[in-house]
Amino acid sequence: MACGSRSRSMCCRWSCNWCSAVWLALVLFHAKRLPGIVRSLFISPFMMPPVVAGMMWLVILDPSLGAANYILISFGLPPSDWLRRQAG
C-alpha cells in the first residue's frame, strides 16, 4: 500500500515539475520584454565555474601568499613569481 502511494506521489511531483518547466520555457521563448536580461540571468550560472576556477588559480599562484610558493619554500626552493609577464 505504501509503495503505491509513494509512486503516485513521485509521479505527481514529476508531472508538476515537467509542466512548470514547459510553461516557463514557453513564457521565456515568447517573451518580448527584456530578452537580454532574461538570457543573462539564465546563462550566468554556466559562466560561474570557469570564473571561480580562474580566481582559485590566481590565489594559489599569488607570489606573496599563494599555496604554490609555500610548498616551494617548504622544500627549500626559492619562491616564484608565477603570474609575471616575461619581457619579450
Protein backbone atom coordinates (compact mmCIF):
# COMPACT_ATOMS: atom_id res chain seq x y z
CA MET A 1 0.00 0.00 0.00
CA ALA A 2 2.78 2.43 0.90
CA CYS A 3 4.61 1.66 -2.33
CA GLY A 4 1.60 2.63 -4.43
CA SER A 5 1.16 5.87 -2.50
CA ARG A 6 4.84 6.67 -2.88
CA SER A 7 4.83 6.02 -6.62
CA ARG A 8 1.71 8.18 -7.09
CA SER A 9 3.36 10.98 -5.13
CA MET A 10 6.51 10.68 -7.20
CA CYS A 11 4.54 10.65 -10.44
CA CYS A 12 2.56 13.71 -9.36
CA ARG A 13 5.72 15.62 -8.43
CA TRP A 14 7.40 14.65 -11.70
CA SER A 15 4.42 15.76 -13.79
CA CYS A 16 4.15 19.07 -11.88
CA ASN A 17 7.85 19.73 -12.40
CA TRP A 18 7.62 18.86 -16.06
CA CYS A 19 4.55 21.03 -16.64
CA SER A 20 6.07 24.01 -14.84
CA ALA A 21 9.33 23.61 -16.81
CA VAL A 22 7.47 23.53 -20.12
CA TRP A 23 5.36 26.52 -19.09
CA LEU A 24 8.47 28.51 -18.10
CA ALA A 25 10.20 27.59 -21.36
CA LEU A 26 7.20 28.76 -23.39
CA VAL A 27 6.90 32.01 -21.44
CA LEU A 28 10.59 32.78 -21.89
CA PHE A 29 10.53 31.78 -25.57
CA HIS A 30 7.69 34.18 -26.30
CA ALA A 31 8.86 36.99 -24.01
CA LYS A 32 9.12 40.27 -25.89
CA ARG A 33 10.31 42.43 -22.98
CA LEU A 34 13.86 42.39 -21.70
CA PRO A 35 15.13 39.31 -23.56
CA GLY A 36 18.76 40.24 -22.92
CA ILE A 37 18.31 40.40 -19.15
CA VAL A 38 16.42 37.11 -19.02
CA ARG A 39 19.05 35.45 -21.20
CA SER A 40 21.83 36.81 -18.99
CA LEU A 41 20.12 35.53 -15.85
CA PHE A 42 19.85 32.04 -17.29
CA ILE A 43 23.35 31.91 -18.83
CA SER A 44 25.25 33.35 -15.84
CA PRO A 45 25.23 30.08 -13.80
CA PHE A 46 27.08 28.38 -16.67
CA MET A 47 29.73 31.10 -16.64
CA MET A 48 30.40 30.94 -12.89
CA PRO A 49 32.50 27.72 -12.65
CA PRO A 50 35.25 28.93 -15.06
CA VAL A 51 35.38 32.29 -13.29
CA VAL A 52 35.66 30.67 -9.87
CA ALA A 53 38.35 28.27 -11.11
CA GLY A 54 40.34 31.17 -12.54
CA MET A 55 40.10 33.08 -9.28
CA MET A 56 41.25 30.00 -7.34
CA TRP A 57 44.33 29.68 -9.56
CA LEU A 58 45.10 33.37 -9.00
CA VAL A 59 45.02 32.78 -5.25
CA ILE A 60 47.10 29.60 -5.46
CA LEU A 61 49.74 31.24 -7.68
CA ASP A 62 49.88 34.53 -5.76
CA PRO A 63 53.57 35.41 -5.30
CA SER A 64 53.25 36.53 -1.68
CA LEU A 65 50.51 34.39 -0.12
CA GLY A 66 49.89 31.55 -2.58
CA ALA A 67 49.99 27.88 -1.71
CA ALA A 68 52.35 27.05 -4.59
CA ASN A 69 55.11 29.30 -3.23
CA TYR A 70 54.52 27.98 0.28
CA ILE A 71 55.17 24.46 -0.98
CA LEU A 72 58.30 25.58 -2.83
CA ILE A 73 59.66 27.31 0.27
CA SER A 74 58.90 24.27 2.44
CA PHE A 75 61.11 22.18 0.09
CA GLY A 76 63.90 24.77 0.32
CA LEU A 77 63.37 26.14 -3.18
CA PRO A 78 63.14 29.86 -3.99
CA PRO A 79 59.63 31.29 -4.47
CA SER A 80 58.49 32.05 -7.99
CA ASP A 81 56.51 34.92 -9.45
CA TRP A 82 54.14 32.71 -11.40
CA LEU A 83 51.96 35.36 -12.97
CA ARG A 84 54.69 37.77 -14.09
CA ARG A 85 54.87 38.55 -17.78
CA GLN A 86 58.09 37.65 -19.48
CA ALA A 87 59.87 40.59 -21.11
CA GLY A 88 59.85 39.87 -24.76
